[in-house]
Amino acid sequence: MATILVVDDELGIRALLSEILSDEGHTIELAQNAQQARASRERSRPDLVLLDIWMPDVDGITLLKEWGSTGQLTMPVIMMSGHGTIDTAVEATKFGAMAFLEKPITLQKLLRAVEQALVKTTPRPAPPAAPVIGTVIGNSYPRPESLPPIAPGTMPVQTAGLAPVTPLPHQGLASEQVFELDRPLREARDAFEKSYFEFHLAKENGSMTRVAEKTGLERTHLYRKLKQLGVDLSRNKRGSGI
């Protein structure tokens, strides 16, 4: 995951972008003007900057030019504006911006632009070494049909001629569950929906963005729905504690 600096003078925009990108596992730095952006860039060395064009002190294009002329444009920059034109977008890319997003920014366009910017600047890892293939000599393994039956939900501890096998821990929630139907419709429906969303949250490591896309709900509607159903969101957050 990457460190992303969001520069925008609107509190609502900063909060929304921070929530979405944090939900994707990124570390977010926030700045509301050019002065804070300069300080944050020096302190955190971000992997990507989302930079608003229209700001009260120094506009985004001017800050972009400044970084470019002083050799500080070492990270990709995505420009944002609610009043942008084609000429503005062309000017931004001419001075080093990688992309231009017009406000209001849709979720899909934001994630696609961020992903493309990070992929272009991330070096590809070296290919893994080829596995060494050896030959097993002197062992006589039983035919599959001669193996003893395995009880459902268990794994064999040891098979003749094979090393012991350790059972794997349970991963997430079961994709098939049993629901009690002899109850009022609303209660049965709420129980199903709660299990449904808990399953997808566990499957997507708590990413509200991917769960929203998977279930076809807007993020705001999804949040309200989970709160209504009493779904515990804290336990589905990523291991990083975001």
Protein backbone atom coordinates (compact mmCIF):
# COMPACT_ATOMS: atom_id res chain seq x y z
CA MET A 1 0.00 0.00 0.00
CA ALA A 2 1.05 3.60 -0.62
CA THR A 3 1.31 6.92 1.22
CA ILE A 4 -1.00 9.42 -0.49
CA LEU A 5 -1.06 13.17 0.12
CA VAL A 6 -4.48 14.80 -0.41
CA VAL A 7 -4.31 18.58 -0.91
CA ASP A 8 -7.67 20.39 -0.96
CA ASP A 9 -9.02 23.45 0.85
CA GLU A 10 -12.47 21.84 1.26
CA LEU A 11 -12.79 19.83 4.47
CA GLY A 12 -15.53 17.61 3.02
CA ILE A 13 -13.40 16.62 0.01
CA ARG A 14 -10.40 15.83 2.22
CA ALA A 15 -12.53 13.72 4.57
CA LEU A 16 -14.22 11.79 1.75
CA LEU A 17 -11.01 11.02 -0.15
CA SER A 18 -9.26 10.08 3.09
CA GLU A 19 -12.06 7.66 4.02
CA ILE A 20 -12.15 5.97 0.61
CA LEU A 21 -8.38 5.62 0.21
CA SER A 22 -7.84 4.56 3.82
CA ASP A 23 -10.47 1.91 3.25
CA GLU A 24 -8.29 0.64 0.39
CA GLY A 25 -5.38 0.26 2.82
CA HIS A 26 -3.38 3.39 1.94
CA THR A 27 -1.79 5.78 4.44
CA ILE A 28 -3.27 9.26 3.99
CA GLU A 29 -1.67 12.66 4.64
CA LEU A 30 -3.91 15.74 4.49
CA ALA A 31 -3.16 19.37 3.61
CA GLN A 32 -5.56 22.28 3.10
CA ASN A 33 -3.19 24.69 1.36
CA ALA A 34 0.14 24.89 -0.44
CA GLN A 35 2.13 25.65 2.72
CA GLN A 36 0.88 22.48 4.44
CA ALA A 37 1.40 20.51 1.22
CA ARG A 38 5.06 21.54 1.03
CA ALA A 39 5.65 20.56 4.66
CA SER A 40 3.83 17.24 4.28
CA ARG A 41 5.74 16.40 1.11
CA GLU A 42 9.06 16.94 2.89
CA ARG A 43 7.96 15.01 5.98
CA SER A 44 6.22 11.95 4.54
CA ARG A 45 7.67 11.68 1.01
CA PRO A 46 4.32 10.52 -0.44
CA ASP A 47 4.06 7.96 -3.22
CA LEU A 48 1.23 9.97 -4.82
CA VAL A 49 -0.33 13.43 -4.49
CA LEU A 50 -3.96 14.36 -5.18
CA LEU A 51 -3.75 18.13 -5.73
CA ASP A 52 -6.65 20.56 -6.01
CA ILE A 53 -6.20 23.35 -8.55
CA TRP A 54 -8.21 26.14 -6.95
CA MET A 55 -6.86 26.97 -3.48
CA PRO A 56 -6.93 30.33 -1.65
CA ASP A 57 -3.20 30.98 -1.21
CA VAL A 58 -1.28 29.26 -4.00
CA ASP A 59 -3.17 27.38 -6.70
CA GLY A 60 -2.35 23.79 -7.56
CA ILE A 61 -0.84 24.53 -10.98
CA THR A 62 1.60 27.00 -9.41
CA LEU A 63 2.59 24.46 -6.74
CA LEU A 64 3.03 21.79 -9.42
CA LYS A 65 5.32 24.12 -11.40
CA GLU A 66 7.28 24.89 -8.23
CA TRP A 67 7.88 21.22 -7.48
CA GLY A 68 8.89 20.60 -11.08
CA SER A 69 11.34 23.51 -11.29
CA THR A 70 13.05 22.60 -7.98
CA GLY A 71 13.41 18.89 -8.71
CA GLN A 72 10.81 17.91 -6.11
CA LEU A 73 8.36 16.36 -8.54
CA THR A 74 9.57 12.86 -7.67
CA MET A 75 6.07 11.41 -7.22
CA PRO A 76 3.04 11.21 -9.53
CA VAL A 77 0.50 14.00 -9.14
CA ILE A 78 -3.20 13.80 -9.98
CA MET A 79 -4.87 17.20 -10.34
CA MET A 80 -8.47 17.81 -9.20
CA SER A 81 -10.89 20.62 -9.98
CA GLY A 82 -14.58 21.39 -9.96
CA HIS A 83 -14.21 24.20 -12.50
CA GLY A 84 -11.66 22.70 -14.83
CA THR A 85 -11.56 22.96 -18.60
CA ILE A 86 -9.73 21.08 -21.31
CA ASP A 87 -7.12 23.85 -21.37
CA THR A 88 -6.61 23.47 -17.61
CA ALA A 89 -6.16 19.72 -17.93
CA VAL A 90 -3.67 20.16 -20.79
CA GLU A 91 -1.71 22.75 -18.80
CA ALA A 92 -1.59 20.46 -15.76
CA THR A 93 -0.25 17.51 -17.75
CA LYS A 94 2.25 19.79 -19.50
CA PHE A 95 3.79 20.67 -16.14
CA GLY A 96 4.03 17.07 -14.95
CA ALA A 97 0.61 15.97 -13.73
CA MET A 98 -0.17 12.34 -14.50
CA ALA A 99 -3.96 12.71 -14.65
CA PHE A 100 -6.81 15.17 -14.17
CA LEU A 101 -10.00 14.41 -12.24
CA GLU A 102 -13.06 16.62 -12.54
CA LYS A 103 -15.22 17.12 -9.43
CA PRO A 104 -17.49 15.62 -8.33
CA ILE A 105 -15.13 12.67 -8.55
CA THR A 106 -16.76 9.29 -8.99
CA LEU A 107 -15.52 6.36 -6.95
CA GLN A 108 -14.58 4.32 -10.00
CA LYS A 109 -12.58 7.13 -11.64
CA LEU A 110 -10.75 7.90 -8.41
CA LEU A 111 -9.68 4.32 -7.72
CA ARG A 112 -8.75 3.72 -11.36
CA ALA A 113 -6.59 6.86 -11.53
CA VAL A 114 -4.86 6.07 -8.22
CA GLU A 115 -4.21 2.48 -9.25
CA GLN A 116 -2.80 3.47 -12.64
CA ALA A 117 -0.56 6.15 -11.12
CA LEU A 118 0.86 3.77 -8.52
CA VAL A 119 1.38 0.94 -11.02
CA LYS A 120 3.32 3.20 -13.38
CA THR A 121 5.69 4.28 -10.61
CA THR A 122 6.14 0.94 -8.83
CA PRO A 123 9.11 -1.12 -10.01
CA ARG A 124 8.22 -4.62 -11.02
CA PRO A 125 9.51 -7.29 -8.66
CA ALA A 126 12.11 -9.73 -9.89
CA PRO A 127 10.63 -13.02 -11.12
CA PRO A 128 10.76 -15.79 -8.51
CA ALA A 129 13.41 -18.45 -8.83
CA ALA A 130 12.31 -21.64 -10.54
CA PRO A 131 11.40 -24.36 -8.05
CA VAL A 132 13.79 -27.26 -7.65
CA ILE A 133 12.11 -30.49 -8.64
CA GLY A 134 13.50 -33.62 -7.05
CA THR A 135 12.72 -37.31 -7.19
CA VAL A 136 11.39 -39.30 -4.26
CA ILE A 137 12.96 -42.75 -4.11
CA GLY A 138 12.21 -45.74 -1.92
CA ASN A 139 8.71 -44.80 -0.70
CA SER A 140 5.64 -46.82 -1.57
CA TYR A 141 2.46 -44.75 -1.29
CA PRO A 142 -0.98 -46.37 -1.07
CA ARG A 143 -3.35 -46.05 -3.99
CA PRO A 144 -5.97 -43.27 -3.49
CA GLU A 145 -8.80 -45.78 -3.36
CA SER A 146 -7.06 -47.67 -0.55
CA LEU A 147 -6.87 -44.66 1.76
CA PRO A 148 -9.18 -44.66 4.78
CA PRO A 149 -12.25 -42.39 4.58
CA ILE A 150 -11.97 -38.89 6.07
CA ALA A 151 -14.75 -37.58 8.27
CA PRO A 152 -16.41 -34.37 7.02
CA GLY A 153 -14.78 -31.19 8.40
CA THR A 154 -11.54 -32.97 9.39
CA MET A 155 -8.13 -33.47 7.88
CA PRO A 156 -5.90 -36.55 8.21
CA VAL A 157 -3.14 -36.19 10.80
CA GLN A 158 -0.87 -38.76 9.22
CA THR A 159 -1.00 -41.13 6.28
CA ALA A 160 1.31 -44.07 5.77
CA GLY A 161 4.53 -42.88 4.18
CA LEU A 162 3.56 -39.18 4.38
CA ALA A 163 4.58 -36.39 6.76
CA PRO A 164 2.01 -35.26 9.40
CA VAL A 165 -0.52 -32.73 8.17
CA THR A 166 -1.60 -29.83 10.39
CA PRO A 167 -5.25 -28.76 10.07
CA LEU A 168 -5.65 -25.29 8.56
CA PRO A 169 -7.34 -22.56 10.64
CA HIS A 170 -10.84 -21.49 9.72
CA GLN A 171 -10.76 -18.67 7.17
CA GLY A 172 -13.53 -16.02 7.39
CA LEU A 173 -17.22 -16.95 7.40
CA ALA A 174 -18.84 -19.93 5.75
CA SER A 175 -20.39 -19.19 2.35
CA GLU A 176 -23.34 -21.46 3.21
CA GLN A 177 -25.35 -20.95 6.40
CA VAL A 178 -28.62 -22.23 7.88
CA PHE A 179 -31.37 -19.75 8.71
CA GLU A 180 -34.43 -20.26 10.86
CA LEU A 181 -37.47 -19.68 8.67
CA ASP A 182 -40.12 -20.13 11.38
CA ARG A 183 -40.00 -16.48 12.36
CA PRO A 184 -41.45 -13.14 11.17
CA LEU A 185 -40.36 -12.15 7.66
CA ARG A 186 -38.55 -8.99 8.78
CA GLU A 187 -36.50 -10.87 11.38
CA ALA A 188 -35.60 -13.62 8.92
CA ARG A 189 -34.64 -11.07 6.27
CA ASP A 190 -32.51 -9.04 8.71
CA ALA A 191 -30.71 -12.21 9.85
CA PHE A 192 -29.94 -13.15 6.26
CA GLU A 193 -28.78 -9.65 5.30
CA LYS A 194 -26.53 -9.39 8.37
CA SER A 195 -24.86 -12.73 7.56
CA TYR A 196 -24.63 -11.71 3.90
CA PHE A 197 -22.80 -8.45 4.62
CA GLU A 198 -20.59 -9.99 7.33
CA PHE A 199 -19.51 -12.65 4.83
CA HIS A 200 -18.55 -10.08 2.17
CA LEU A 201 -16.80 -7.80 4.69
CA ALA A 202 -14.69 -10.73 5.89
CA LYS A 203 -14.01 -11.81 2.30
CA GLU A 204 -12.88 -8.30 1.28
CA ASN A 205 -10.82 -7.71 4.47
CA GLY A 206 -13.20 -4.97 5.61
CA SER A 207 -12.96 -2.88 2.42
CA MET A 208 -16.19 -0.90 2.26
CA THR A 209 -15.33 0.17 -1.29
CA ARG A 210 -15.14 -3.36 -2.64
CA VAL A 211 -18.18 -4.52 -0.64
CA ALA A 212 -20.18 -1.60 -2.08
CA GLU A 213 -19.15 -2.59 -5.61
CA LYS A 214 -19.82 -6.29 -4.93
CA THR A 215 -23.28 -5.74 -3.47
CA GLY A 216 -24.30 -2.94 -5.83
CA LEU A 217 -24.95 -0.38 -3.08
CA GLU A 218 -23.78 3.18 -2.71
CA ARG A 219 -21.29 3.61 0.16
CA THR A 220 -23.64 5.90 2.10
CA HIS A 221 -26.53 3.43 1.77
CA LEU A 222 -24.21 0.58 2.70
CA TYR A 223 -23.06 2.34 5.90
CA ARG A 224 -26.66 3.01 6.94
CA LYS A 225 -27.63 -0.58 6.20
CA LEU A 226 -24.77 -2.07 8.24
CA LYS A 227 -25.53 0.24 11.16
CA GLN A 228 -29.21 -0.71 11.01
CA LEU A 229 -28.36 -4.43 11.04
CA GLY A 230 -25.89 -4.05 13.91
CA VAL A 231 -22.87 -5.28 11.94
CA ASP A 232 -19.63 -4.80 13.88
CA LEU A 233 -17.35 -2.95 11.44
CA SER A 234 -14.35 -2.77 13.77
CA ARG A 235 -13.59 -6.48 13.57
CA ASN A 236 -13.55 -6.39 9.76
CA LYS A 237 -10.94 -3.67 9.46
CA ARG A 238 -7.60 -4.55 7.98
CA GLY A 239 -4.86 -5.91 10.12
CA SER A 240 -3.14 -2.54 10.06
CA GLY A 241 -5.89 -1.16 12.30
CA ILE A 242 -7.17 1.41 9.81
